[in-house]
Structure formats: C-alpha cells, structure tokens
C-alpha cells in the first residue's frame, strides 16, 4: 500500500484478464473491517483505465498466475502547488540526515527538531495523509531517546496514533507506534500494535521481527520464536538481526547448544554483529 504525490493516478490495463489470475488495483478505503471485500479490488479489461486520487492509499493486488501488464501515469494540475507535500519532503530530508548520525549530540537533536517543525508545518497546511504524522512520530521518538525524554515520547505516541487513524493498515505506522508505546511502558498496547503490523504486511520481515521482540519483552519467548522470528526468517533466512533475536529467545528457553548454532549463523551472515558475538560468549559456560 502506498500513496502517489500527483492529483490523479491512472492505471491502464495492457493485456487480457484471462492471461493472469488475481491482479487489479487494491483500494484501502474500500476494504472491509477484516481487510477484505471484493469491492476493494478494481479490475478492468484491456485498454480500460482505473482513475483515483493520488493521495488514496492503494497497491497492486497479488497475482497467482501469469503476468499482468499495466501503464501507470499521473495527472498534475499546473495551478496547484502541494505546499504540504514539499514540507514533508523537506522534513524527510532532515530526518534522514539525523538518522545517519550514529551517536546522540546537540547537533543531531537540532536536526530532529527541524524535522518535527517541518512535519508540523505540513499538517498545519492541511496534509490529509499519515505520512507527516508518522514522520513526526519517528523524529520525536529519536528525540525521546536523547534529550527530549518522556515528553517527546508521549508526543510521538500521539502523532503515531493520528497516523494509524488515517491509515489503519500501514504496517510502518503500526510498527513504529508499537515501539513508541513500548518506550512509554505501555507493553500490552505495544504488543497489540506489533501484531497488527505483522498482519497488515505479512511479507515484512521487519514487522515480524518487531512482533517477536515485543513477545520476548513480556516473557513469551516460545511465542516470539513461532509467531515472530521464525516467520520473518522464512521471508529472509539471512537476516542477522532476526537470527540473533531468535538465538536470544532460544537461550532464554534453556536450549543453549541450539542458541549457539544460531548465533554462529548470524555471525556468518554479519561478522560485525557485536550483539550476536557478545551473546555467544555469554552462553559459552553453559555449553560444557
């Protein structure tokens, strides 16, 4: 699911519908409460077009056979200036720059505050999407980890709740909100939203990893493995972070030899993974 910037998005079908199964344009706003509904998928014959506002969240519906060819183009209005979108792009630049700085510093915090201000400007200009809210939530979370403290984290939760209200199936918003709630000590709610993120984007290894971390945080290590890490590793078997987290929960369950093998696999994938290395050293006494 995503949004486009221009005024109108047009998708023209280029081949016959009998050349593939599935497919079509999935419109989030037409989906039912359970994430389904036949009316949510727009399918047209060859040479026909689906038109929708660019700001509407949409995506390609999965194809189970064959190939679907489409031509996508965008319609602009030369007299319309998307001031809110330009504010978001400026804020994204600030946030990206801050995230590239590895250690906390007054300079990094200054850039994060500039990002927050630009996201707020976008919202005040009438931004109707979740993008500005989730970006502001991310920037506030980073401030909460450094100089902003609890007040910044609380503001991050508010921003991310607004993002989820605007796009209930945006896995990134849901997952970031779960992190903010965890930092606020609201673990039950954090776990709920981490689970919702994994359900919203079942192909996201990161969402399954976050779900596993929340389950492990509340002491449910067996569930963290089966419902989180193992699912993510089926999608990305070489993900060192997932392997390390799987090994941690495995060791918490007392299976030290298995955990050691998984830590070693993580280090094969990423020899510089310091957490995998330190955890492996920590359980060596239990391997004898």
Foldseek 3Di string as FASTA:
>chain_A
DDFADAFKKKKAWAAAPVQWPWKAKFFQVQADPVRHDPVRGDDDGHGDMDMDTRGTDIDITDIDGGDTDIDMDGDHDPVDDLQLVVLLVVLVVLVVVLVVDDDDDPVSLVSLVSSLVSLVVSVVVPDQALSSLQSNLVSLVVCCVPVPPPVSLVSSLVSLVVNCVSPVLQLSSLQSNLVSCVVVVNLVSSLVSLLSSCVSPVLDLVSLQSNLVSCVVVPNLVCSQPRGLVSSCVNPVLQLSSLLSNLVSCVVVVNNVVSLVSLVSSCVSPVPPVSSVVVNVVCVVVVD
